[in-house]
Amino acid sequence: MNENIERLTNSTLEKIKEIVNADTIIGKSITTQDGTVIIPVSKVSYGFASGGSDFCSGKSDAKDMFGGGNGAGVSIVPVAFLVVSGEDVKLLQVESFSSSIDRIIAMAPEIVDKIGSAIKKRKKSFDSKSSEN
């Protein structure tokens, strides 16, 4: 019986491996005519169950006693796109935000970029005023 369950399990797991790989989660990049690169990002969930039992019957041989089965389910859901345009990198979410915290986390890189730009502008302005004096 152990060999039968192992064979069933291995067969199903091999099929799951064929479906779910790194290219499924981080998809193949797409380059547009203007040079922008778009990379799809997906969420993958899967479940697996397997089981078996021996059935005893007065007419069957011990080697013929086995009943088993297994099953698996895979869900692949696109969640975002990573967009690289020149030196800009943005993450565009597909799903809407479920809370304010999610929205703040998604905006964090953009806020950091804006603060960095403001600091650079201020520093340039300060440097140019210092060199004039």
N, C-alpha and C. Protein backbone atom coordinates (compact mmCIF):
# COMPACT_ATOMS: atom_id res chain seq x y z
N MET A 1 0.82 -1.19 0.00
CA MET A 1 0.00 0.00 0.00
C MET A 1 0.86 1.25 0.00
N ASN A 2 1.96 1.26 0.77
CA ASN A 2 2.81 2.45 0.86
C ASN A 2 3.33 2.86 -0.51
N GLU A 3 3.71 1.88 -1.32
CA GLU A 3 4.23 2.19 -2.66
C GLU A 3 3.16 2.83 -3.52
N ASN A 4 1.93 2.35 -3.40
CA ASN A 4 0.83 2.90 -4.20
C ASN A 4 0.54 4.35 -3.84
N ILE A 5 0.48 4.65 -2.55
CA ILE A 5 0.24 6.03 -2.12
C ILE A 5 1.41 6.92 -2.53
N GLU A 6 2.62 6.41 -2.37
CA GLU A 6 3.80 7.18 -2.76
C GLU A 6 3.78 7.49 -4.25
N ARG A 7 3.40 6.52 -5.07
CA ARG A 7 3.33 6.71 -6.52
C ARG A 7 2.27 7.77 -6.86
N LEU A 8 1.10 7.68 -6.24
CA LEU A 8 0.04 8.67 -6.46
C LEU A 8 0.49 10.07 -6.05
N THR A 9 1.09 10.16 -4.89
CA THR A 9 1.54 11.45 -4.37
C THR A 9 2.62 12.06 -5.25
N ASN A 10 3.60 11.28 -5.62
CA ASN A 10 4.69 11.79 -6.47
C ASN A 10 4.17 12.27 -7.82
N SER A 11 3.24 11.54 -8.39
CA SER A 11 2.67 11.93 -9.67
C SER A 11 1.96 13.28 -9.57
N THR A 12 1.17 13.46 -8.53
CA THR A 12 0.45 14.72 -8.35
C THR A 12 1.41 15.87 -8.07
N LEU A 13 2.41 15.64 -7.22
CA LEU A 13 3.37 16.70 -6.91
C LEU A 13 4.17 17.11 -8.14
N GLU A 14 4.50 16.18 -9.00
CA GLU A 14 5.21 16.51 -10.24
C GLU A 14 4.36 17.41 -11.12
N LYS A 15 3.07 17.14 -11.20
CA LYS A 15 2.16 17.98 -12.00
C LYS A 15 2.08 19.39 -11.40
N ILE A 16 2.04 19.49 -10.07
CA ILE A 16 2.00 20.81 -9.42
C ILE A 16 3.29 21.57 -9.73
N LYS A 17 4.44 20.89 -9.69
CA LYS A 17 5.72 21.53 -10.00
C LYS A 17 5.74 22.08 -11.42
N GLU A 18 5.10 21.35 -12.35
CA GLU A 18 5.03 21.82 -13.73
C GLU A 18 4.23 23.12 -13.84
N ILE A 19 3.18 23.23 -13.03
CA ILE A 19 2.31 24.40 -13.09
C ILE A 19 2.91 25.58 -12.34
N VAL A 20 3.40 25.33 -11.14
CA VAL A 20 3.86 26.40 -10.25
C VAL A 20 5.38 26.43 -10.24
N ASN A 21 5.95 27.51 -10.78
CA ASN A 21 7.40 27.71 -10.72
C ASN A 21 7.66 29.20 -10.54
N ALA A 22 8.90 29.59 -10.50
CA ALA A 22 9.22 31.01 -10.26
C ALA A 22 8.65 31.91 -11.35
N ASP A 23 8.57 31.42 -12.60
CA ASP A 23 8.01 32.22 -13.67
C ASP A 23 6.52 32.48 -13.48
N THR A 24 5.86 31.65 -12.69
CA THR A 24 4.44 31.85 -12.41
C THR A 24 4.25 33.02 -11.46
N ILE A 25 5.12 33.17 -10.48
CA ILE A 25 4.99 34.22 -9.47
C ILE A 25 5.51 35.55 -10.02
N ILE A 26 6.73 35.57 -10.49
CA ILE A 26 7.29 36.74 -11.16
C ILE A 26 7.32 36.38 -12.64
N GLY A 27 6.37 36.95 -13.40
CA GLY A 27 6.20 36.57 -14.80
C GLY A 27 7.32 37.08 -15.70
N LYS A 28 7.25 36.66 -16.94
CA LYS A 28 8.23 37.10 -17.93
C LYS A 28 8.00 38.57 -18.24
N SER A 29 9.09 39.30 -18.38
CA SER A 29 8.98 40.74 -18.61
C SER A 29 8.48 41.03 -20.03
N ILE A 30 7.76 42.15 -20.13
CA ILE A 30 7.23 42.62 -21.40
C ILE A 30 7.85 43.99 -21.64
N THR A 31 8.48 44.18 -22.80
CA THR A 31 9.08 45.47 -23.12
C THR A 31 8.22 46.16 -24.18
N THR A 32 7.81 47.40 -23.86
CA THR A 32 6.99 48.17 -24.78
C THR A 32 7.88 48.89 -25.80
N GLN A 33 7.27 49.53 -26.79
CA GLN A 33 8.02 50.21 -27.84
C GLN A 33 8.88 51.35 -27.30
N ASP A 34 8.41 52.01 -26.24
CA ASP A 34 9.19 53.13 -25.69
C ASP A 34 10.27 52.68 -24.70
N GLY A 35 10.45 51.36 -24.54
CA GLY A 35 11.50 50.84 -23.66
C GLY A 35 11.05 50.56 -22.24
N THR A 36 9.79 50.82 -21.92
CA THR A 36 9.27 50.52 -20.59
C THR A 36 9.16 49.00 -20.43
N VAL A 37 9.60 48.52 -19.27
CA VAL A 37 9.55 47.08 -18.99
C VAL A 37 8.45 46.84 -17.96
N ILE A 38 7.56 45.90 -18.25
CA ILE A 38 6.45 45.56 -17.36
C ILE A 38 6.62 44.11 -16.93
N ILE A 39 6.63 43.90 -15.61
CA ILE A 39 6.82 42.55 -15.07
C ILE A 39 5.59 42.19 -14.22
N PRO A 40 4.83 41.18 -14.62
CA PRO A 40 3.66 40.78 -13.83
C PRO A 40 4.07 40.03 -12.56
N VAL A 41 3.33 40.28 -11.48
CA VAL A 41 3.56 39.61 -10.19
C VAL A 41 2.24 38.95 -9.78
N SER A 42 2.29 37.66 -9.46
CA SER A 42 1.08 36.92 -9.12
C SER A 42 1.20 36.26 -7.75
N LYS A 43 0.04 35.98 -7.18
CA LYS A 43 -0.03 35.23 -5.91
C LYS A 43 -0.46 33.81 -6.26
N VAL A 44 0.27 32.83 -5.76
CA VAL A 44 -0.04 31.44 -6.03
C VAL A 44 -0.41 30.75 -4.73
N SER A 45 -1.56 30.07 -4.75
CA SER A 45 -2.00 29.28 -3.60
C SER A 45 -2.30 27.88 -4.10
N TYR A 46 -1.96 26.90 -3.30
CA TYR A 46 -2.30 25.54 -3.70
C TYR A 46 -2.57 24.68 -2.48
N GLY A 47 -3.34 23.64 -2.70
CA GLY A 47 -3.66 22.68 -1.65
C GLY A 47 -3.50 21.28 -2.20
N PHE A 48 -3.24 20.35 -1.32
CA PHE A 48 -2.99 18.98 -1.74
C PHE A 48 -3.50 18.03 -0.67
N ALA A 49 -4.14 16.94 -1.11
CA ALA A 49 -4.60 15.91 -0.18
C ALA A 49 -4.37 14.54 -0.82
N SER A 50 -4.04 13.58 0.00
CA SER A 50 -3.80 12.23 -0.49
C SER A 50 -4.18 11.23 0.58
N GLY A 51 -4.64 10.08 0.17
CA GLY A 51 -4.98 9.06 1.16
C GLY A 51 -5.20 7.71 0.50
N GLY A 52 -5.23 6.68 1.31
CA GLY A 52 -5.43 5.35 0.77
C GLY A 52 -5.80 4.38 1.87
N SER A 53 -6.26 3.22 1.45
CA SER A 53 -6.67 2.22 2.42
C SER A 53 -6.63 0.84 1.77
N ASP A 54 -6.46 -0.17 2.57
CA ASP A 54 -6.59 -1.54 2.09
C ASP A 54 -8.01 -2.00 2.33
N PHE A 55 -8.55 -2.72 1.37
CA PHE A 55 -9.89 -3.29 1.50
C PHE A 55 -9.75 -4.79 1.60
N CYS A 56 -10.33 -5.32 2.61
CA CYS A 56 -10.22 -6.76 2.83
C CYS A 56 -11.46 -7.45 2.27
N SER A 57 -11.22 -8.44 1.44
CA SER A 57 -12.30 -9.20 0.85
C SER A 57 -11.88 -10.66 0.84
N GLY A 58 -12.79 -11.54 1.09
CA GLY A 58 -12.46 -12.96 1.16
C GLY A 58 -12.01 -13.51 -0.18
N LYS A 59 -12.37 -12.86 -1.29
CA LYS A 59 -12.06 -13.40 -2.62
C LYS A 59 -10.78 -12.81 -3.21
N SER A 60 -10.22 -11.76 -2.62
CA SER A 60 -9.06 -11.10 -3.23
C SER A 60 -7.77 -11.49 -2.54
N ASP A 61 -6.72 -11.38 -3.30
CA ASP A 61 -5.38 -11.63 -2.79
C ASP A 61 -4.94 -10.42 -1.97
N ALA A 62 -4.02 -10.61 -1.05
CA ALA A 62 -3.52 -9.49 -0.24
C ALA A 62 -2.84 -8.45 -1.11
N LYS A 63 -2.19 -8.85 -2.21
CA LYS A 63 -1.50 -7.90 -3.08
C LYS A 63 -2.47 -7.02 -3.86
N ASP A 64 -3.73 -7.43 -4.00
CA ASP A 64 -4.72 -6.66 -4.75
C ASP A 64 -5.49 -5.67 -3.88
N MET A 65 -5.23 -5.66 -2.59
CA MET A 65 -6.01 -4.81 -1.69
C MET A 65 -5.43 -3.41 -1.60
N PHE A 66 -6.02 -2.50 -2.32
CA PHE A 66 -5.64 -1.10 -2.19
C PHE A 66 -6.70 -0.23 -2.83
N GLY A 67 -7.01 0.83 -2.15
CA GLY A 67 -7.87 1.87 -2.71
C GLY A 67 -7.30 3.20 -2.26
N GLY A 68 -7.12 4.11 -3.17
CA GLY A 68 -6.53 5.38 -2.78
C GLY A 68 -6.86 6.47 -3.77
N GLY A 69 -6.54 7.64 -3.38
CA GLY A 69 -6.77 8.77 -4.26
C GLY A 69 -6.07 10.01 -3.74
N ASN A 70 -5.99 10.99 -4.59
CA ASN A 70 -5.41 12.26 -4.17
C ASN A 70 -5.99 13.36 -5.04
N GLY A 71 -5.75 14.57 -4.62
CA GLY A 71 -6.24 15.71 -5.38
C GLY A 71 -5.45 16.94 -5.03
N ALA A 72 -5.49 17.89 -5.94
CA ALA A 72 -4.77 19.13 -5.71
C ALA A 72 -5.54 20.26 -6.38
N GLY A 73 -5.34 21.44 -5.87
CA GLY A 73 -5.94 22.63 -6.47
C GLY A 73 -4.92 23.75 -6.47
N VAL A 74 -4.90 24.52 -7.54
CA VAL A 74 -3.96 25.63 -7.67
C VAL A 74 -4.73 26.88 -8.06
N SER A 75 -4.40 27.98 -7.42
CA SER A 75 -5.01 29.27 -7.74
C SER A 75 -3.89 30.26 -8.04
N ILE A 76 -3.94 30.87 -9.22
CA ILE A 76 -2.95 31.87 -9.61
C ILE A 76 -3.70 33.17 -9.87
N VAL A 77 -3.39 34.21 -9.06
CA VAL A 77 -4.09 35.48 -9.15
C VAL A 77 -3.08 36.61 -9.37
N PRO A 78 -3.23 37.38 -10.45
CA PRO A 78 -2.33 38.52 -10.64
C PRO A 78 -2.60 39.57 -9.56
N VAL A 79 -1.54 40.07 -8.93
CA VAL A 79 -1.71 41.05 -7.85
C VAL A 79 -1.08 42.40 -8.16
N ALA A 80 -0.08 42.42 -9.05
CA ALA A 80 0.59 43.70 -9.32
C ALA A 80 1.42 43.61 -10.60
N PHE A 81 1.86 44.79 -11.03
CA PHE A 81 2.80 44.88 -12.15
C PHE A 81 3.94 45.78 -11.72
N LEU A 82 5.15 45.34 -11.95
CA LEU A 82 6.34 46.14 -11.68
C LEU A 82 6.67 46.83 -13.00
N VAL A 83 6.67 48.18 -12.99
CA VAL A 83 6.88 48.95 -14.21
C VAL A 83 8.20 49.70 -14.08
N VAL A 84 9.12 49.42 -15.01
CA VAL A 84 10.43 50.07 -15.02
C VAL A 84 10.51 50.93 -16.27
N SER A 85 10.59 52.25 -16.05
CA SER A 85 10.66 53.19 -17.16
C SER A 85 11.83 54.13 -16.91
N GLY A 86 12.89 53.96 -17.66
CA GLY A 86 14.09 54.76 -17.42
C GLY A 86 14.65 54.42 -16.06
N GLU A 87 14.75 55.44 -15.20
CA GLU A 87 15.23 55.21 -13.84
C GLU A 87 14.09 55.08 -12.83
N ASP A 88 12.84 55.23 -13.29
CA ASP A 88 11.68 55.12 -12.42
C ASP A 88 11.21 53.68 -12.33
N VAL A 89 10.91 53.25 -11.11
CA VAL A 89 10.36 51.93 -10.88
C VAL A 89 9.09 52.11 -10.05
N LYS A 90 7.98 51.56 -10.55
CA LYS A 90 6.71 51.68 -9.84
C LYS A 90 6.07 50.30 -9.72
N LEU A 91 5.35 50.12 -8.61
CA LEU A 91 4.59 48.90 -8.40
C LEU A 91 3.12 49.28 -8.52
N LEU A 92 2.44 48.75 -9.52
CA LEU A 92 1.03 49.04 -9.72
C LEU A 92 0.21 47.84 -9.27
N GLN A 93 -0.57 48.04 -8.21
CA GLN A 93 -1.38 46.95 -7.67
C GLN A 93 -2.63 46.75 -8.50
N VAL A 94 -3.02 45.49 -8.68
CA VAL A 94 -4.23 45.16 -9.42
C VAL A 94 -5.43 45.25 -8.49
N GLU A 95 -5.30 44.69 -7.30
CA GLU A 95 -6.39 44.68 -6.33
C GLU A 95 -6.49 46.03 -5.64
N SER A 96 -7.71 46.39 -5.25
CA SER A 96 -7.87 47.63 -4.51
C SER A 96 -7.35 47.44 -3.09
N PHE A 97 -7.06 48.55 -2.45
CA PHE A 97 -6.52 48.49 -1.10
C PHE A 97 -7.63 48.09 -0.13
N SER A 98 -7.30 47.21 0.81
CA SER A 98 -8.31 46.76 1.77
C SER A 98 -8.31 47.61 3.04
N SER A 99 -7.25 48.38 3.25
CA SER A 99 -7.20 49.22 4.45
C SER A 99 -6.30 50.42 4.21
N SER A 100 -6.35 51.36 5.14
CA SER A 100 -5.50 52.55 5.05
C SER A 100 -4.02 52.18 5.14
N ILE A 101 -3.72 51.20 5.96
CA ILE A 101 -2.33 50.75 6.12
C ILE A 101 -1.79 50.24 4.78
N ASP A 102 -2.60 49.45 4.06
CA ASP A 102 -2.17 48.95 2.74
C ASP A 102 -1.87 50.11 1.80
N ARG A 103 -2.72 51.12 1.82
CA ARG A 103 -2.53 52.28 0.95
C ARG A 103 -1.24 53.03 1.32
N ILE A 104 -0.97 53.20 2.61
CA ILE A 104 0.24 53.90 3.07
C ILE A 104 1.49 53.12 2.65
N ILE A 105 1.46 51.79 2.83
CA ILE A 105 2.61 50.96 2.45
C ILE A 105 2.86 51.05 0.96
N ALA A 106 1.80 51.04 0.17
CA ALA A 106 1.96 51.12 -1.29
C ALA A 106 2.50 52.48 -1.72
N MET A 107 2.17 53.54 -0.97
CA MET A 107 2.62 54.88 -1.32
C MET A 107 4.03 55.19 -0.81
N ALA A 108 4.55 54.39 0.09
CA ALA A 108 5.84 54.68 0.73
C ALA A 108 6.97 54.93 -0.27
N PRO A 109 7.18 54.09 -1.30
CA PRO A 109 8.28 54.37 -2.22
C PRO A 109 8.13 55.71 -2.94
N GLU A 110 6.91 56.07 -3.32
CA GLU A 110 6.67 57.33 -3.99
C GLU A 110 6.96 58.51 -3.06
N ILE A 111 6.57 58.38 -1.80
CA ILE A 111 6.82 59.44 -0.82
C ILE A 111 8.32 59.61 -0.60
N VAL A 112 9.05 58.49 -0.50
CA VAL A 112 10.50 58.56 -0.31
C VAL A 112 11.15 59.24 -1.51
N ASP A 113 10.71 58.92 -2.73
CA ASP A 113 11.24 59.57 -3.93
C ASP A 113 11.01 61.07 -3.91
N LYS A 114 9.80 61.48 -3.51
CA LYS A 114 9.48 62.92 -3.47
C LYS A 114 10.32 63.64 -2.42
N ILE A 115 10.49 63.03 -1.29
CA ILE A 115 11.32 63.65 -0.24
C ILE A 115 12.77 63.75 -0.73
N GLY A 116 13.28 62.70 -1.36
CA GLY A 116 14.64 62.72 -1.90
C GLY A 116 14.82 63.81 -2.94
N SER A 117 13.84 63.98 -3.82
CA SER A 117 13.91 65.03 -4.84
C SER A 117 13.91 66.41 -4.20
N ALA A 118 13.05 66.59 -3.19
CA ALA A 118 12.97 67.88 -2.51
C ALA A 118 14.31 68.21 -1.82
N ILE A 119 14.93 67.21 -1.21
CA ILE A 119 16.21 67.43 -0.54
C ILE A 119 17.28 67.79 -1.56
N LYS A 120 17.30 67.10 -2.71
CA LYS A 120 18.28 67.40 -3.76
C LYS A 120 18.10 68.82 -4.28
N LYS A 121 16.85 69.23 -4.52
CA LYS A 121 16.58 70.59 -5.00
C LYS A 121 17.04 71.62 -3.98
N ARG A 122 16.73 71.36 -2.73
CA ARG A 122 17.11 72.30 -1.67
C ARG A 122 18.63 72.41 -1.57
N LYS A 123 19.31 71.25 -1.68
CA LYS A 123 20.77 71.24 -1.61
C LYS A 123 21.37 72.00 -2.79
N LYS A 124 20.84 71.81 -4.01
CA LYS A 124 21.33 72.53 -5.18
C LYS A 124 21.13 74.03 -5.01
N SER A 125 19.97 74.39 -4.51
CA SER A 125 19.68 75.81 -4.29
C SER A 125 20.64 76.40 -3.27
N PHE A 126 20.90 75.66 -2.18
CA PHE A 126 21.81 76.11 -1.15
C PHE A 126 23.24 76.21 -1.69
N ASP A 127 23.66 75.20 -2.47
CA ASP A 127 25.02 75.21 -3.05
C ASP A 127 25.21 76.37 -4.01
N SER A 128 24.20 76.66 -4.82
CA SER A 128 24.33 77.76 -5.79
C SER A 128 24.37 79.10 -5.06
N LYS A 129 23.62 79.27 -3.98
CA LYS A 129 23.65 80.51 -3.20
C LYS A 129 24.98 80.66 -2.50
N SER A 130 25.56 79.54 -2.02
CA SER A 130 26.85 79.59 -1.32
C SER A 130 27.97 79.96 -2.29
N SER A 131 27.90 79.47 -3.52
CA SER A 131 28.97 79.78 -4.49
C SER A 131 28.90 81.22 -4.98
N GLU A 132 27.71 81.85 -4.92
CA GLU A 132 27.56 83.24 -5.33
C GLU A 132 28.20 84.17 -4.32
N ASN A 133 28.19 83.76 -3.05
CA ASN A 133 28.72 84.64 -2.00
C ASN A 133 30.17 84.52 -1.85
